[in-house]
Protein backbone atom coordinates (compact mmCIF):
# COMPACT_ATOMS: atom_id res chain seq x y z
CA MET A 1 -57.63 125.51 17.69
CA GLU A 2 -54.89 124.82 15.46
CA ARG A 3 -54.73 121.97 17.55
CA THR A 4 -57.94 120.25 17.10
CA VAL A 5 -59.00 121.23 13.89
CA GLY A 6 -56.98 123.06 12.45
CA LEU A 7 -58.05 126.77 12.06
CA THR A 8 -55.07 129.33 12.00
CA SER A 9 -55.02 130.79 15.70
CA GLU A 10 -53.04 133.96 13.34
CA LYS A 11 -56.84 134.64 11.78
CA ASN A 12 -59.11 137.22 13.18
CA PHE A 13 -62.45 135.22 13.08
CA PRO A 14 -65.94 136.54 12.56
CA GLU A 15 -68.83 137.01 15.61
CA PHE A 16 -71.99 135.43 15.13
CA SER A 17 -73.85 137.76 15.86
CA ASN A 18 -76.57 137.47 18.88
CA GLN A 19 -80.12 136.88 16.52
CA THR A 20 -79.81 134.79 13.02
CA PHE A 21 -81.21 136.55 10.11
CA LYS A 22 -83.57 134.14 10.30
CA ASP A 23 -84.90 133.97 14.10
CA TRP A 24 -84.95 138.25 13.23
CA PHE A 25 -86.99 137.44 9.77
CA LYS A 26 -89.98 135.36 11.74
CA THR A 27 -90.89 138.77 13.30
CA LYS A 28 -92.01 140.79 10.31
CA LYS A 29 -94.57 140.91 7.93
CA SER A 30 -93.96 141.72 4.55
CA ARG A 31 -96.21 143.73 2.20
CA GLY A 32 -94.94 143.85 -1.49
CA LYS A 33 -97.17 143.09 -4.82
CA LYS A 34 -94.18 140.83 -6.71
CA LYS A 35 -93.61 137.84 -4.88
CA ILE A 36 -90.02 136.84 -4.03
CA ALA A 37 -87.48 134.45 -1.95
CA TYR A 38 -84.66 135.03 0.29
CA PHE A 39 -81.96 132.18 0.35
CA VAL A 40 -80.02 134.12 2.73
CA GLY A 41 -76.77 132.00 2.96
CA CYS A 42 -74.90 131.02 5.95
CA SER A 43 -72.33 133.93 6.65
CA THR A 44 -74.95 136.50 6.31
CA ASN A 45 -77.86 134.53 9.12
CA TYR A 46 -75.16 134.06 11.32
CA TYR A 47 -72.57 136.63 11.61
CA ASN A 48 -73.67 139.36 9.30
CA PRO A 49 -77.58 139.75 9.02
CA ASP A 50 -77.32 143.40 8.31
CA VAL A 51 -76.22 142.33 5.11
CA GLY A 52 -80.05 140.28 4.74
CA LYS A 53 -82.13 143.28 6.23
CA SER A 54 -80.38 145.66 3.42
CA VAL A 55 -81.88 143.31 0.86
CA LEU A 56 -85.76 142.90 2.76
CA GLU A 57 -85.59 146.88 2.68
CA VAL A 58 -84.11 146.86 -1.10
CA LEU A 59 -86.55 145.06 -2.43
CA GLU A 60 -89.92 145.78 0.07
CA LYS A 61 -89.27 149.73 -1.76
CA ASN A 62 -89.67 147.92 -4.70
CA ASN A 63 -92.81 146.68 -3.77
CA HIS A 64 -92.48 143.47 -3.42
CA GLU A 65 -93.88 140.48 -0.39
CA VAL A 66 -90.56 138.81 0.16
CA ILE A 67 -90.75 135.36 1.61
CA LEU A 68 -88.43 132.85 3.38
CA PRO A 69 -88.39 129.48 2.07
CA ASP A 70 -87.30 126.40 4.35
CA GLN A 71 -83.32 126.45 3.47
CA THR A 72 -79.98 125.04 4.73
CA CYS A 73 -76.46 125.65 3.51
CA CYS A 74 -76.04 125.50 -0.59
CA GLY A 75 -73.15 122.74 -0.01
CA VAL A 76 -70.38 124.27 -1.28
CA ALA A 77 -68.12 124.18 2.16
CA ARG A 78 -68.72 120.12 1.76
CA LEU A 79 -68.54 120.41 -2.06
CA ASN A 80 -65.14 122.27 -2.04
CA TYR A 81 -64.01 119.79 0.64
CA GLY A 82 -65.15 116.20 -1.56
CA ASP A 83 -67.58 115.51 0.38
CA LEU A 84 -70.33 114.50 -1.85
CA ASP A 85 -72.33 112.89 -0.17
CA LEU A 86 -73.50 115.05 2.71
CA ALA A 87 -73.54 118.29 0.18
CA ARG A 88 -75.71 116.20 -1.92
CA LYS A 89 -77.96 115.43 1.13
CA ASN A 90 -78.07 119.87 1.01
CA MET A 91 -78.64 120.03 -2.38
CA GLU A 92 -81.63 117.70 -2.96
CA TYR A 93 -83.47 119.30 1.26
CA ASN A 94 -83.27 122.82 -0.97
CA ILE A 95 -84.02 121.68 -4.71
CA ASN A 96 -87.45 120.08 -2.84
CA SER A 97 -87.83 123.30 -0.43
CA LEU A 98 -87.37 125.91 -3.19
CA LEU A 99 -89.49 123.64 -5.84
CA GLU A 100 -92.33 124.60 -4.43
CA VAL A 101 -91.74 128.48 -4.29
CA VAL A 102 -91.07 128.32 -7.97
CA LYS A 103 -93.88 126.75 -8.60
CA GLN A 104 -95.94 129.09 -6.40
CA GLY A 105 -94.77 131.83 -9.04
CA TYR A 106 -91.59 133.43 -6.68
CA GLU A 107 -88.08 134.04 -8.05
CA ILE A 108 -85.23 133.23 -5.44
CA VAL A 109 -82.82 135.88 -4.99
CA THR A 110 -79.59 135.82 -2.87
CA SER A 111 -76.73 137.97 -1.82
CA CYS A 112 -74.12 135.01 -1.42
CA PRO A 113 -71.92 135.15 -5.08
CA SER A 114 -71.50 131.50 -3.84
CA CYS A 115 -74.98 130.97 -3.32
CA SER A 116 -76.12 131.71 -6.51
CA LEU A 117 -73.85 130.15 -8.45
CA SER A 118 -74.01 127.11 -6.10
CA LEU A 119 -78.20 127.45 -7.41
CA LYS A 120 -77.31 127.93 -10.24
CA GLU A 121 -74.66 125.62 -11.68
CA GLU A 122 -73.52 122.70 -9.14
CA TYR A 123 -76.74 121.72 -7.97
CA ILE A 124 -77.32 121.00 -11.79
CA ASP A 125 -73.59 119.48 -11.80
CA ILE A 126 -74.10 117.10 -8.90
CA THR A 127 -78.30 116.06 -8.68
CA ASP A 128 -78.49 115.85 -12.63
CA ARG A 129 -82.39 116.42 -11.65
CA GLN A 130 -84.31 118.75 -13.96
CA GLU A 131 -86.23 120.54 -11.25
CA ALA A 132 -82.88 121.95 -10.49
CA ARG A 133 -82.30 123.53 -13.68
CA LEU A 134 -86.18 125.33 -12.44
CA ILE A 135 -84.57 126.34 -9.76
CA ALA A 136 -81.10 127.78 -11.84
CA GLU A 137 -83.85 129.23 -14.26
CA ASN A 138 -85.58 131.71 -11.79
CA THR A 139 -81.85 132.32 -9.17
CA TYR A 140 -80.57 136.24 -9.51
CA ASN A 141 -77.85 137.22 -7.33
CA ILE A 142 -78.97 140.38 -6.12
CA ASN A 143 -76.95 142.78 -8.41
CA GLU A 144 -78.55 140.82 -11.18
CA TYR A 145 -82.07 140.98 -10.07
CA LEU A 146 -82.20 145.18 -9.74
CA LEU A 147 -80.50 145.49 -13.25
CA LYS A 148 -83.34 143.96 -14.36
CA LEU A 149 -85.83 145.29 -12.70
CA HIS A 150 -83.95 148.27 -13.66
CA ASP A 151 -84.20 146.78 -17.30
CA ALA A 152 -87.59 146.32 -17.57
CA GLY A 153 -88.50 150.31 -15.84
CA GLN A 154 -89.61 148.88 -12.58
CA LEU A 155 -86.27 149.46 -10.74
CA ASN A 156 -87.83 152.36 -7.87
CA LEU A 157 -84.96 155.12 -8.19
CA GLU A 158 -86.04 157.59 -5.61
CA LEU A 159 -82.55 157.57 -4.10
CA ASN A 160 -81.37 159.63 -1.61
CA ASP A 161 -78.02 162.41 -3.85
CA GLU A 162 -74.81 162.04 -1.86
CA GLN A 163 -71.38 162.42 -3.04
CA LYS A 164 -69.65 158.77 -2.63
CA LYS A 165 -65.94 157.20 -3.87
CA TYR A 166 -65.99 153.14 -3.33
CA ALA A 167 -63.64 150.94 -4.33
CA HIS A 168 -65.12 147.50 -5.20
CA HIS A 169 -64.03 144.03 -4.98
CA THR A 170 -65.44 141.39 -7.35
CA PRO A 171 -65.56 137.83 -5.63
CA CYS A 172 -64.61 135.39 -8.53
CA HIS A 173 -67.98 133.50 -7.55
CA LEU A 174 -69.95 137.14 -8.59
CA LYS A 175 -66.95 136.72 -12.06
CA ALA A 176 -67.56 133.25 -12.36
CA GLN A 177 -71.34 133.82 -13.63
CA MET A 178 -70.31 136.52 -15.81
CA LEU A 179 -72.03 139.44 -13.24
CA GLY A 180 -67.83 141.08 -12.89
CA ASN A 181 -68.96 144.12 -13.84
CA SER A 182 -73.00 143.98 -12.34
CA THR A 183 -72.32 145.89 -9.12
CA LYS A 184 -70.28 148.76 -10.92
CA LYS A 185 -73.76 148.90 -13.11
CA LEU A 186 -75.85 148.86 -9.60
CA LEU A 187 -74.21 151.32 -7.80
CA GLU A 188 -73.45 153.86 -10.54
CA LEU A 189 -77.59 153.86 -10.94
CA LEU A 190 -76.78 155.97 -7.18
CA PRO A 191 -76.99 159.83 -7.71
CA GLY A 192 -73.43 161.36 -7.12
CA VAL A 193 -71.57 157.75 -6.54
CA LYS A 194 -68.79 156.74 -8.28
CA VAL A 195 -67.17 153.05 -8.49
CA GLU A 196 -63.79 151.76 -9.19
CA GLU A 197 -63.19 148.63 -9.31
CA VAL A 198 -59.73 146.93 -7.63
CA ASP A 199 -58.42 145.15 -10.95
CA ALA A 200 -56.17 142.74 -8.75
CA GLY A 201 -57.31 139.81 -8.63
CA CYS A 202 -58.69 136.93 -6.53
CA CYS A 203 -58.89 138.32 -2.27
CA GLY A 204 -56.74 135.06 -0.95
CA SER A 205 -59.42 133.51 1.10
CA ALA A 206 -61.22 130.95 -1.42
CA GLY A 207 -63.75 130.41 0.61
CA THR A 208 -62.58 128.64 4.37
CA PHE A 209 -59.02 127.38 2.49
CA GLY A 210 -57.15 130.57 4.51
CA PHE A 211 -59.33 129.87 7.37
CA LYS A 212 -56.75 126.64 7.64
CA ASP A 213 -53.00 127.16 9.43
CA GLU A 214 -51.68 125.16 6.59
CA ASN A 215 -53.06 127.97 4.39
CA TYR A 216 -52.90 130.89 5.98
CA GLU A 217 -49.67 132.04 4.93
CA LEU A 218 -50.06 131.27 0.94
CA SER A 219 -53.72 133.40 1.59
CA MET A 220 -52.66 136.35 2.51
CA LYS A 221 -49.90 136.24 0.18
CA ILE A 222 -52.21 135.49 -2.66
CA GLY A 223 -54.31 138.70 -1.65
CA GLU A 224 -51.37 141.15 -1.32
CA ASN A 225 -52.18 142.52 -4.46
CA VAL A 226 -55.12 143.15 -3.39
CA PHE A 227 -54.67 145.20 0.04
CA ASN A 228 -51.90 147.05 -1.93
CA GLU A 229 -54.11 148.36 -4.44
CA LEU A 230 -56.19 149.24 -1.97
CA LYS A 231 -53.65 151.05 0.06
CA ASN A 232 -53.10 153.20 -2.58
CA MET A 233 -56.69 154.27 -3.74
CA SER A 234 -58.86 156.73 -2.84
CA PHE A 235 -62.34 156.39 -2.01
CA ASP A 236 -64.57 156.38 0.89
CA GLN A 237 -65.60 153.16 1.98
CA VAL A 238 -64.94 149.52 0.33
CA LEU A 239 -66.64 147.19 -0.98
CA THR A 240 -67.32 143.43 -2.17
CA ASP A 241 -70.42 141.11 -2.55
CA CYS A 242 -68.88 138.43 -0.92
CA ASP A 243 -68.46 137.62 2.87
CA ALA A 244 -65.17 135.72 2.74
CA CYS A 245 -64.47 138.52 0.55
CA ARG A 246 -65.10 140.62 2.98
CA MET A 247 -63.38 139.09 6.29
CA GLN A 248 -60.11 138.17 3.98
CA LEU A 249 -60.07 142.01 2.93
CA ALA A 250 -60.55 143.18 6.88
CA GLU A 251 -57.91 141.56 7.77
CA GLY A 252 -55.31 142.58 4.75
CA THR A 253 -56.34 146.43 5.59
CA GLY A 254 -57.62 146.49 8.23
CA LYS A 255 -60.22 148.70 6.43
CA GLN A 256 -64.16 148.32 7.27
CA ILE A 257 -65.68 146.06 4.66
CA ILE A 258 -69.66 146.15 3.17
CA HIS A 259 -71.68 144.36 0.83
CA PRO A 260 -72.95 146.92 -1.99
CA ILE A 261 -77.01 146.44 -0.66
CA GLN A 262 -75.86 148.17 2.29
CA VAL A 263 -75.81 151.04 0.79
CA ILE A 264 -78.60 150.89 -1.65
CA ALA A 265 -80.80 150.30 1.11
CA ASN A 266 -79.05 153.58 2.97
CA ARG A 267 -79.89 155.03 -0.24
CA TYR A 268 -83.84 154.66 0.03
């Protein structure tokens, strides 16, 4: 990998799932009174479909009919590497598809902070289309959406009571949406839950930056503060909302890392 595409041989790369989330979803029929469209994100689709399954379960427990609109990669990876032409191509594809479901009354949720940031902000900056603004106005990170339901008195709080302490690492892309406290706020609605934030900066992954041979060592050095903080904390489970952060934290600590939505799904 180092000789051909410059990927480090030092890192433990994720394994592809035996079945993508999109293929799994084809066998499901979602039911509910409220409409919601799920933007999956590449990592959840190919590597970690259990996150998507948890999103579906939580939304259905809150009386939502979930659809999976036609979609491709949000484009943020290509944008990060300066490939504006291909990033714009992805964005235009998604705008044209998502616009149709928004017109039908669906709001859009995603469990990936990079995807929600992209749909909310990058699409407007890159395409400058009014349609992109309409999509941005109707897009929510899953934490944000569930808190919105709670504020309206519509969140299903019939949850199992279990004493658990979680350490939570907030991804940079969640902070960029002013949602840095959203996971802690949401999880503490669960009976018996305590959440301690890992206040130690960036994990160092920066998307695929840390996957490169030339960046791996620097990436791990950047993440040392987070790794060391976790080693000094007491918890039952480590959580983060971003799959790139999940891989990096697992790499730096040797611990299992899961998405917060999986905790909520298990409580139902």
